[in-house]
PDB file of N, CA and C in Angstrom:
ATOM      1  N   MET A   1     -15.594  -0.009  -1.997  1.00  0.00           N
ATOM      2  CA  MET A   1     -14.490   0.943  -1.346  1.00  0.00           C
ATOM      3  C   MET A   1     -14.001   0.276  -0.346  1.00  0.00           C
ATOM      4  N   THR A   2     -12.580   0.863   0.056  1.00  0.00           N
ATOM      5  CA  THR A   2     -12.078   0.152   1.435  1.00  0.00           C
ATOM      6  C   THR A   2     -12.340   0.995   2.533  1.00  0.00           C
ATOM      7  N   PRO A   3     -12.346   0.405   3.655  1.00  0.00           N
ATOM      8  CA  PRO A   3     -12.776   0.928   4.929  1.00  0.00           C
ATOM      9  C   PRO A   3     -11.999   2.209   5.266  1.00  0.00           C
ATOM     10  N   ALA A   4     -10.909   2.616   4.603  1.00  0.00           N
ATOM     11  CA  ALA A   4     -10.276   3.932   4.774  1.00  0.00           C
ATOM     12  C   ALA A   4     -10.721   4.990   4.025  1.00  0.00           C
ATOM     13  N   VAL A   5     -11.225   4.593   2.734  1.00  0.00           N
ATOM     14  CA  VAL A   5     -12.141   5.417   1.857  1.00  0.00           C
ATOM     15  C   VAL A   5     -13.338   5.639   2.321  1.00  0.00           C
ATOM     16  N   ASN A   6     -14.147   4.965   3.089  1.00  0.00           N
ATOM     17  CA  ASN A   6     -15.482   5.287   3.615  1.00  0.00           C
ATOM     18  C   ASN A   6     -15.088   6.106   4.886  1.00  0.00           C
ATOM     19  N   ILE A   7     -14.003   5.932   5.750  1.00  0.00           N
ATOM     20  CA  ILE A   7     -13.844   6.794   6.661  1.00  0.00           C
ATOM     21  C   ILE A   7     -13.657   8.240   6.245  1.00  0.00           C
ATOM     22  N   ALA A   8     -12.693   8.300   5.221  1.00  0.00           N
ATOM     23  CA  ALA A   8     -12.406   9.604   4.497  1.00  0.00           C
ATOM     24  C   ALA A   8     -13.738  10.333   4.338  1.00  0.00           C
ATOM     25  N   LYS A   9     -14.587   9.396   3.363  1.00  0.00           N
ATOM     26  CA  LYS A   9     -15.627  10.124   3.151  1.00  0.00           C
ATOM     27  C   LYS A   9     -16.779  10.728   4.245  1.00  0.00           C
ATOM     28  N   LYS A  10     -16.901   9.713   5.241  1.00  0.00           N
ATOM     29  CA  LYS A  10     -17.850   9.819   6.359  1.00  0.00           C
ATOM     30  C   LYS A  10     -17.097  11.353   7.126  1.00  0.00           C
ATOM     31  N   ALA A  11     -15.884  11.403   7.230  1.00  0.00           N
ATOM     32  CA  ALA A  11     -15.102  12.647   7.691  1.00  0.00           C
ATOM     33  C   ALA A  11     -15.110  13.859   6.889  1.00  0.00           C
ATOM     34  N   LYS A  12     -15.389  13.582   5.536  1.00  0.00           N
ATOM     35  CA  LYS A  12     -15.360  14.523   4.632  1.00  0.00           C
ATOM     36  C   LYS A  12     -13.866  14.984   4.554  1.00  0.00           C
ATOM     37  N   ILE A  13     -13.079  13.987   4.618  1.00  0.00           N
ATOM     38  CA  ILE A  13     -11.624  14.644   4.207  1.00  0.00           C
ATOM     39  C   ILE A  13     -11.519  14.337   2.931  1.00  0.00           C
ATOM     40  N   PRO A  14     -10.917  15.428   2.033  1.00  0.00           N
ATOM     41  CA  PRO A  14     -10.574  15.375   0.640  1.00  0.00           C
ATOM     42  C   PRO A  14      -9.580  14.233   0.176  1.00  0.00           C
ATOM     43  N   TYR A  15      -9.751  13.439  -0.764  1.00  0.00           N
ATOM     44  CA  TYR A  15      -8.913  12.355  -1.232  1.00  0.00           C
ATOM     45  C   TYR A  15      -9.134  12.220  -2.740  1.00  0.00           C
ATOM     46  N   THR A  16      -8.046  11.727  -3.416  1.00  0.00           N
ATOM     47  CA  THR A  16      -8.477  11.455  -4.645  1.00  0.00           C
ATOM     48  C   THR A  16      -8.070   9.929  -4.790  1.00  0.00           C
ATOM     49  N   LEU A  17      -8.665   9.219  -5.425  1.00  0.00           N
ATOM     50  CA  LEU A  17      -8.415   7.851  -6.050  1.00  0.00           C
ATOM     51  C   LEU A  17      -7.877   7.809  -6.962  1.00  0.00           C
ATOM     52  N   HIS A  18      -6.619   6.784  -7.281  1.00  0.00           N
ATOM     53  CA  HIS A  18      -5.988   6.505  -8.508  1.00  0.00           C
ATOM     54  C   HIS A  18      -6.216   5.045  -8.820  1.00  0.00           C
ATOM     55  N   SER A  19      -7.096   4.899  -9.833  1.00  0.00           N
ATOM     56  CA  SER A  19      -7.088   3.255 -10.072  1.00  0.00           C
ATOM     57  C   SER A  19      -6.721   3.001 -11.260  1.00  0.00           C
ATOM     58  N   TYR A  20      -6.938   1.801 -11.404  1.00  0.00           N
ATOM     59  CA  TYR A  20      -5.903   0.877 -12.710  1.00  0.00           C
ATOM     60  C   TYR A  20      -6.441  -0.538 -12.580  1.00  0.00           C
ATOM     61  N   THR A  21      -6.324  -0.843 -13.755  1.00  0.00           N
ATOM     62  CA  THR A  21      -7.000  -2.532 -13.744  1.00  0.00           C
ATOM     63  C   THR A  21      -5.506  -3.517 -13.373  1.00  0.00           C
ATOM     64  N   HIS A  22      -5.989  -4.123 -12.554  1.00  0.00           N
ATOM     65  CA  HIS A  22      -4.925  -5.018 -11.945  1.00  0.00           C
ATOM     66  C   HIS A  22      -4.672  -6.210 -13.076  1.00  0.00           C
ATOM     67  N   ASP A  23      -3.430  -6.480 -13.313  1.00  0.00           N
ATOM     68  CA  ASP A  23      -2.979  -7.759 -13.945  1.00  0.00           C
ATOM     69  C   ASP A  23      -2.928  -8.845 -13.365  1.00  0.00           C
ATOM     70  N   PRO A  24      -3.849  -9.988 -13.174  1.00  0.00           N
ATOM     71  CA  PRO A  24      -3.368 -11.020 -12.136  1.00  0.00           C
ATOM     72  C   PRO A  24      -2.199 -11.788 -12.111  1.00  0.00           C
ATOM     73  N   ALA A  25      -1.559 -11.695 -13.292  1.00  0.00           N
ATOM     74  CA  ALA A  25       0.072 -12.150 -13.671  1.00  0.00           C
ATOM     75  C   ALA A  25       0.981 -11.304 -13.161  1.00  0.00           C
ATOM     76  N   SER A  26       0.859 -10.172 -12.621  1.00  0.00           N
ATOM     77  CA  SER A  26       1.620  -9.377 -12.127  1.00  0.00           C
ATOM     78  C   SER A  26       2.457  -9.945 -10.979  1.00  0.00           C
ATOM     79  N   ALA A  27       3.808 -10.138 -11.065  1.00  0.00           N
ATOM     80  CA  ALA A  27       4.611 -10.419  -9.817  1.00  0.00           C
ATOM     81  C   ALA A  27       4.400  -9.508  -8.507  1.00  0.00           C
ATOM     82  N   SER A  28       4.164  -8.247  -8.658  1.00  0.00           N
ATOM     83  CA  SER A  28       4.163  -6.952  -7.605  1.00  0.00           C
ATOM     84  C   SER A  28       3.056  -6.327  -7.497  1.00  0.00           C
ATOM     85  N   TYR A  29       2.159  -6.281  -6.508  1.00  0.00           N
ATOM     86  CA  TYR A  29       1.219  -5.261  -6.790  1.00  0.00           C
ATOM     87  C   TYR A  29       1.926  -3.669  -6.786  1.00  0.00           C
ATOM     88  N   GLY A  30       2.631  -3.721  -5.756  1.00  0.00           N
ATOM     89  CA  GLY A  30       3.259  -2.267  -5.578  1.00  0.00           C
ATOM     90  C   GLY A  30       4.104  -1.788  -6.849  1.00  0.00           C
ATOM     91  N   GLU A  31       4.906  -2.609  -7.487  1.00  0.00           N
ATOM     92  CA  GLU A  31       5.390  -2.291  -8.854  1.00  0.00           C
ATOM     93  C   GLU A  31       4.562  -1.930  -9.896  1.00  0.00           C
ATOM     94  N   GLU A  32       3.475  -2.868 -10.138  1.00  0.00           N
ATOM     95  CA  GLU A  32       2.478  -2.656 -11.142  1.00  0.00           C
ATOM     96  C   GLU A  32       1.640  -1.618 -10.875  1.00  0.00           C
ATOM     97  N   ALA A  33       1.373  -1.249  -9.778  1.00  0.00           N
ATOM     98  CA  ALA A  33       0.647   0.096  -9.196  1.00  0.00           C
ATOM     99  C   ALA A  33       1.516   1.338  -9.912  1.00  0.00           C
ATOM    100  N   SER A  34       2.944   1.303  -9.317  1.00  0.00           N
ATOM    101  CA  SER A  34       3.726   2.201  -9.746  1.00  0.00           C
ATOM    102  C   SER A  34       3.809   2.285 -11.249  1.00  0.00           C
ATOM    103  N   GLU A  35       3.883   1.406 -12.145  1.00  0.00           N
ATOM    104  CA  GLU A  35       4.200   1.639 -13.323  1.00  0.00           C
ATOM    105  C   GLU A  35       2.998   2.158 -14.043  1.00  0.00           C
ATOM    106  N   LYS A  36       1.502   1.331 -13.906  1.00  0.00           N
ATOM    107  CA  LYS A  36       0.270   1.958 -14.208  1.00  0.00           C
ATOM    108  C   LYS A  36       0.099   3.155 -14.164  1.00  0.00           C
ATOM    109  N   LEU A  37       0.362   3.719 -13.057  1.00  0.00           N
ATOM    110  CA  LEU A  37       0.019   4.995 -12.366  1.00  0.00           C
ATOM    111  C   LEU A  37       1.223   6.193 -12.924  1.00  0.00           C
ATOM    112  N   GLY A  38       2.255   5.520 -13.270  1.00  0.00           N
ATOM    113  CA  GLY A  38       2.984   6.516 -13.472  1.00  0.00           C
ATOM    114  C   GLY A  38       3.820   7.152 -12.566  1.00  0.00           C
ATOM    115  N   SER A  39       4.042   6.422 -11.588  1.00  0.00           N
ATOM    116  CA  SER A  39       4.683   7.202 -10.401  1.00  0.00           C
ATOM    117  C   SER A  39       6.062   6.607 -10.036  1.00  0.00           C
ATOM    118  N   PRO A  40       6.995   7.124  -9.382  1.00  0.00           N
ATOM    119  CA  PRO A  40       8.145   6.552  -9.169  1.00  0.00           C
ATOM    120  C   PRO A  40       7.912   5.423  -8.056  1.00  0.00           C
ATOM    121  N   VAL A  41       8.620   4.372  -8.345  1.00  0.00           N
ATOM    122  CA  VAL A  41       8.511   3.138  -7.409  1.00  0.00           C
ATOM    123  C   VAL A  41       8.900   3.729  -5.950  1.00  0.00           C
ATOM    124  N   ASP A  42       9.540   4.609  -5.729  1.00  0.00           N
ATOM    125  CA  ASP A  42      10.151   4.966  -4.360  1.00  0.00           C
ATOM    126  C   ASP A  42       8.965   6.002  -3.754  1.00  0.00           C
ATOM    127  N   ARG A  43       8.098   6.378  -4.576  1.00  0.00           N
ATOM    128  CA  ARG A  43       6.969   7.176  -4.187  1.00  0.00           C
ATOM    129  C   ARG A  43       5.541   6.380  -3.943  1.00  0.00           C
ATOM    130  N   VAL A  44       5.425   5.140  -3.988  1.00  0.00           N
ATOM    131  CA  VAL A  44       4.263   4.398  -3.696  1.00  0.00           C
ATOM    132  C   VAL A  44       4.673   3.510  -2.743  1.00  0.00           C
ATOM    133  N   PHE A  45       3.724   3.470  -1.832  1.00  0.00           N
ATOM    134  CA  PHE A  45       3.855   2.810  -0.419  1.00  0.00           C
ATOM    135  C   PHE A  45       3.355   1.616  -0.605  1.00  0.00           C
ATOM    136  N   LYS A  46       3.554   0.585   0.519  1.00  0.00           N
ATOM    137  CA  LYS A  46       3.141  -0.574   0.686  1.00  0.00           C
ATOM    138  C   LYS A  46       2.844  -0.652   2.286  1.00  0.00           C
ATOM    139  N   THR A  47       1.661  -1.353   2.827  1.00  0.00           N
ATOM    140  CA  THR A  47       1.512  -1.596   4.050  1.00  0.00           C
ATOM    141  C   THR A  47       1.584  -2.724   4.524  1.00  0.00           C
ATOM    142  N   LEU A  48       2.390  -3.212   5.445  1.00  0.00           N
ATOM    143  CA  LEU A  48       2.591  -4.809   5.832  1.00  0.00           C
ATOM    144  C   LEU A  48       2.253  -4.873   7.055  1.00  0.00           C
ATOM    145  N   VAL A  49       1.656  -6.134   7.552  1.00  0.00           N
ATOM    146  CA  VAL A  49       1.647  -6.383   8.957  1.00  0.00           C
ATOM    147  C   VAL A  49       2.319  -7.270   9.226  1.00  0.00           C
ATOM    148  N   ALA A  50       3.013  -7.393  10.388  1.00  0.00           N
ATOM    149  CA  ALA A  50       4.085  -8.181  10.820  1.00  0.00           C
ATOM    150  C   ALA A  50       3.914  -8.676  12.396  1.00  0.00           C
ATOM    151  N   GLN A  51       4.091  -9.879  12.521  1.00  0.00           N
ATOM    152  CA  GLN A  51       4.297 -10.422  14.168  1.00  0.00           C
ATOM    153  C   GLN A  51       5.732 -10.133  14.732  1.00  0.00           C
ATOM    154  N   ILE A  52       5.656  -9.333  15.714  1.00  0.00           N
ATOM    155  CA  ILE A  52       7.325  -9.403  16.255  1.00  0.00           C
ATOM    156  C   ILE A  52       7.390 -10.377  17.476  1.00  0.00           C
ATOM    157  N   ASP A  53       8.628 -10.473  17.940  1.00  0.00           N
ATOM    158  CA  ASP A  53       8.835 -11.694  18.922  1.00  0.00           C
ATOM    159  C   ASP A  53       7.699 -11.706  20.158  1.00  0.00           C
ATOM    160  N   SER A  54       7.269 -10.883  20.674  1.00  0.00           N
ATOM    161  CA  SER A  54       6.257 -10.830  21.649  1.00  0.00           C
ATOM    162  C   SER A  54       4.735 -11.220  21.274  1.00  0.00           C
ATOM    163  N   ARG A  55       4.946 -11.671  20.047  1.00  0.00           N
ATOM    164  CA  ARG A  55       3.515 -12.098  19.378  1.00  0.00           C
ATOM    165  C   ARG A  55       2.736 -10.661  19.108  1.00  0.00           C
ATOM    166  N   GLU A  56       3.167  -9.496  19.234  1.00  0.00           N
ATOM    167  CA  GLU A  56       2.333  -8.328  18.863  1.00  0.00           C
ATOM    168  C   GLU A  56       2.274  -8.166  17.227  1.00  0.00           C
ATOM    169  N   LEU A  57       1.393  -7.641  17.010  1.00  0.00           N
ATOM    170  CA  LEU A  57       1.285  -7.309  15.651  1.00  0.00           C
ATOM    171  C   LEU A  57       1.558  -5.680  15.327  1.00  0.00           C
ATOM    172  N   VAL A  58       2.499  -5.476  14.464  1.00  0.00           N
ATOM    173  CA  VAL A  58       2.809  -4.015  13.893  1.00  0.00           C
ATOM    174  C   VAL A  58       2.374  -3.979  12.579  1.00  0.00           C
ATOM    175  N   VAL A  59       2.328  -2.423  12.153  1.00  0.00           N
ATOM    176  CA  VAL A  59       1.936  -2.362  11.010  1.00  0.00           C
ATOM    177  C   VAL A  59       2.984  -1.260  10.454  1.00  0.00           C
ATOM    178  N   THR A  60       3.507  -1.926   9.131  1.00  0.00           N
ATOM    179  CA  THR A  60       4.489  -0.921   8.811  1.00  0.00           C
ATOM    180  C   THR A  60       3.976  -0.291   7.446  1.00  0.00           C
ATOM    181  N   LEU A  61       4.515   0.917   7.005  1.00  0.00           N
ATOM    182  CA  LEU A  61       4.327   1.669   5.914  1.00  0.00           C
ATOM    183  C   LEU A  61       5.682   1.910   5.168  1.00  0.00           C
ATOM    184  N   ILE A  62       6.084   1.332   4.027  1.00  0.00           N
ATOM    185  CA  ILE A  62       7.324   1.349   3.506  1.00  0.00           C
ATOM    186  C   ILE A  62       7.193   1.580   1.878  1.00  0.00           C
ATOM    187  N   PRO A  63       8.228   2.124   1.404  1.00  0.00           N
ATOM    188  CA  PRO A  63       8.287   2.357  -0.138  1.00  0.00           C
ATOM    189  C   PRO A  63       8.354   0.934  -0.675  1.00  0.00           C
ATOM    190  N   VAL A  64       7.421   0.659  -1.775  1.00  0.00           N
ATOM    191  CA  VAL A  64       7.306  -0.265  -2.657  1.00  0.00           C
ATOM    192  C   VAL A  64       8.795  -0.907  -2.941  1.00  0.00           C
ATOM    193  N   SER A  65       9.905   0.192  -3.228  1.00  0.00           N
ATOM    194  CA  SER A  65      11.253  -0.186  -3.682  1.00  0.00           C
ATOM    195  C   SER A  65      11.968  -0.820  -2.281  1.00  0.00           C
ATOM    196  N   SER A  66      11.315  -0.756  -1.147  1.00  0.00           N
ATOM    197  CA  SER A  66      11.996  -1.520   0.037  1.00  0.00           C
ATOM    198  C   SER A  66      11.697  -2.650   0.413  1.00  0.00           C
ATOM    199  N   VAL A  67      12.429  -3.602   1.192  1.00  0.00           N
ATOM    200  CA  VAL A  67      12.084  -4.703   1.856  1.00  0.00           C
ATOM    201  C   VAL A  67      12.028  -4.861   3.270  1.00  0.00           C
ATOM    202  N   LEU A  68      11.080  -5.142   3.967  1.00  0.00           N
ATOM    203  CA  LEU A  68      11.012  -5.136   5.449  1.00  0.00           C
ATOM    204  C   LEU A  68      11.975  -6.053   5.988  1.00  0.00           C
ATOM    205  N   SER A  69      12.748  -5.517   6.808  1.00  0.00           N
ATOM    206  CA  SER A  69      13.632  -6.312   7.542  1.00  0.00           C
ATOM    207  C   SER A  69      13.192  -6.849   8.928  1.00  0.00           C
ATOM    208  N   MET A  70      13.038  -8.015   9.292  1.00  0.00           N
ATOM    209  CA  MET A  70      12.339  -8.572  10.258  1.00  0.00           C
ATOM    210  C   MET A  70      13.613  -8.795  11.619  1.00  0.00           C
ATOM    211  N   LYS A  71      14.723  -8.209  11.370  1.00  0.00           N
ATOM    212  CA  LYS A  71      15.831  -8.194  12.390  1.00  0.00           C
ATOM    213  C   LYS A  71      15.217  -6.974  13.561  1.00  0.00           C
TER     214      LYS A  71
END
């Protein structure tokens, strides 16, 4: 399990896992998840970590259908 799932379990937060078999040849994890889970691509999100000018790390959560702008 992921750390997030373990934290949810420990805190007794209700959740539902949606799993699928990953195809290593898939070009995009997010688009593959969207397709295999039958969810619209704009309703599936990806978590990205980026380093900004000050060298700080930021975490972003954006739809799979979007691209993170570093501007």
